[in-house]
Protein backbone atom coordinates (compact mmCIF):
# COMPACT_ATOMS: atom_id res chain seq x y z
CA MET A 1 77.01 101.63 -78.26
CA ILE A 2 73.61 100.28 -77.26
CA GLU A 3 71.83 102.11 -74.47
CA VAL A 4 70.49 99.31 -72.28
CA LYS A 5 70.68 98.39 -68.62
CA THR A 6 72.33 94.99 -68.33
CA GLU A 7 75.11 93.11 -66.61
CA GLU A 8 78.13 91.09 -67.71
CA SER A 9 76.45 87.84 -66.67
CA GLU A 10 73.34 88.62 -68.73
CA ILE A 11 75.43 89.22 -71.88
CA GLN A 12 77.26 85.95 -71.27
CA LYS A 13 74.01 83.98 -70.82
CA ARG A 14 72.06 85.71 -73.56
CA PHE A 15 74.35 85.31 -76.58
CA ASN A 16 75.48 81.86 -77.63
CA PHE A 17 75.45 79.59 -80.66
CA HIS A 18 71.86 78.46 -80.01
CA ASN A 19 70.60 81.97 -80.80
CA LEU A 20 73.12 83.19 -83.37
CA GLU A 21 70.27 84.65 -85.43
CA SER A 22 69.56 87.12 -82.60
CA MET A 23 73.07 88.53 -83.10
CA SER A 24 73.50 88.65 -86.86
CA ASN A 25 71.72 88.24 -90.17
CA GLU A 26 75.14 87.72 -91.75
CA LEU A 27 76.24 84.65 -89.77
CA PHE A 28 74.55 81.29 -89.86
CA LEU A 29 75.17 78.20 -87.77
CA LEU A 30 76.43 75.08 -89.53
CA GLU A 31 77.42 72.97 -86.53
CA ILE A 32 78.08 73.43 -82.82
CA ILE A 33 81.42 71.83 -81.99
CA ASP A 34 81.40 72.49 -78.24
CA LYS A 35 80.29 75.25 -75.87
CA ASN A 36 83.07 77.56 -77.09
CA ASN A 37 83.30 76.80 -80.83
CA ALA A 38 80.94 76.41 -83.78
CA GLN A 39 81.26 76.14 -87.54
CA ILE A 40 79.46 79.05 -89.16
CA GLY A 41 78.89 80.41 -92.61
CA SER A 42 79.15 84.09 -93.43
CA LEU A 43 79.47 86.62 -96.19
CA TRP A 44 83.22 85.89 -96.14
CA GLY A 45 83.03 82.08 -96.15
CA GLU A 46 82.98 79.30 -93.55
CA PHE A 47 84.89 79.67 -90.29
CA THR A 48 85.19 78.37 -86.77
CA LEU A 49 83.52 80.97 -84.56
CA GLN A 50 85.03 81.00 -81.09
CA ARG A 51 83.01 82.38 -78.17
CA THR A 52 85.02 83.39 -75.09
CA LEU A 53 83.83 84.76 -71.76
CA ILE A 54 85.80 87.91 -70.95
CA LYS A 55 85.64 90.62 -68.31
CA GLY A 56 82.54 92.62 -69.10
CA GLY A 57 80.95 90.18 -71.55
CA LEU A 58 81.99 88.13 -74.58
CA ARG A 59 84.60 87.95 -77.33
CA PHE A 60 83.89 86.31 -80.68
CA ALA A 61 86.63 85.47 -83.20
CA LEU A 62 86.67 83.92 -86.66
CA LEU A 63 89.62 81.57 -86.15
CA GLU A 64 90.59 80.87 -89.77
CA CYS A 65 89.88 84.41 -90.99
CA PRO A 66 92.92 85.83 -92.85
CA ASN A 67 92.09 89.22 -91.32
CA ALA A 68 91.70 87.80 -87.78
CA LEU A 69 88.27 89.42 -87.41
CA ALA A 70 87.19 89.50 -83.77
CA TRP A 71 84.61 91.50 -81.85
CA THR A 72 83.49 91.99 -78.29
CA ILE A 73 80.12 92.65 -76.69
CA THR A 74 80.67 94.16 -73.25
CA ILE A 75 79.09 96.42 -70.69
CA GLY A 76 80.36 99.98 -70.96
CA TYR A 77 83.43 101.50 -69.40
CA ASP A 78 83.89 101.17 -65.65
CA ASN A 79 81.18 98.48 -65.58
CA ASP A 80 78.58 101.00 -66.75
CA GLU A 81 75.43 98.89 -66.65
CA GLY A 82 73.60 101.51 -68.76
CA SER A 83 75.24 100.60 -72.06
CA VAL A 84 76.65 97.78 -74.14
CA MET A 85 79.74 98.35 -76.26
CA ILE A 86 80.53 96.49 -79.48
CA HIS A 87 84.15 96.64 -80.56
CA SER A 88 85.71 94.98 -83.60
CA THR A 89 89.30 94.48 -84.74
CA ILE A 90 91.23 93.03 -87.67
CA ASN A 91 94.95 92.41 -88.07
CA ARG A 92 95.52 94.82 -90.96
CA LYS A 93 96.45 98.50 -90.94
CA GLU A 94 94.83 99.07 -94.32
CA LYS A 95 92.05 97.28 -96.18
CA ASN A 96 90.17 98.14 -99.34
CA GLN A 97 87.05 100.23 -98.95
CA GLU A 98 84.74 97.37 -99.95
CA PHE A 99 85.94 95.23 -97.02
CA ILE A 100 85.65 98.16 -94.61
CA ASP A 101 82.08 98.74 -95.83
CA GLU A 102 81.26 95.04 -95.30
CA ILE A 103 82.56 95.19 -91.72
CA ASP A 104 80.58 98.38 -91.09
CA GLU A 105 77.41 96.70 -92.41
CA PHE A 106 78.12 93.63 -90.24
CA LEU A 107 78.52 95.80 -87.13
CA ASP A 108 75.42 97.87 -87.93
CA ASP A 109 73.39 94.68 -88.35
CA HIS A 110 74.92 93.23 -85.18
CA SER A 111 74.08 96.37 -83.18
CA GLU A 112 70.48 96.49 -84.41
CA LEU A 113 69.82 92.82 -83.62
CA LEU A 114 71.47 93.04 -80.20
CA LYS A 115 69.37 96.09 -79.36
CA LYS A 116 66.23 94.26 -80.49
CA SER A 117 67.21 91.23 -78.42
CA PHE A 118 67.68 93.34 -75.29
CA ASP A 119 64.37 95.13 -75.96
CA GLU A 120 62.56 91.78 -76.24
CA LYS A 121 64.31 90.40 -73.14
CA LYS A 122 64.87 87.04 -74.82
CA VAL A 123 67.41 84.83 -73.09
CA VAL A 124 68.58 81.45 -74.38
CA ILE A 125 70.78 79.55 -71.96
CA ASN A 126 73.66 77.62 -73.52
CA LYS A 127 72.78 73.95 -73.13
CA LEU A 128 76.25 72.51 -73.76
């Protein structure tokens, strides 16, 4: 959880493919396909990254990922504008410890960069 005062609309405007580097050091943009999809590279290979507006914020998913990795960035429970929640899922009950550690590192990096982005009040509007 990131302690920050924000709104759903700010999350949705702030984080898009044009500023992927403000969300992760472990994802890099290869090509924007359209406003909802981009080809990205990552520690795990190349994937289509899908960005979806959802209640409370955004959902990102690696479409070709064999583990169906997806994560959300949303305002806290009950529209708590004092925090941002990051939640991640995969489609496996059990994974080896190395993969779990990689996901933990990805989420830690993601959280730190999102916090920094909110602290700096940078907003990049999606131009597509």
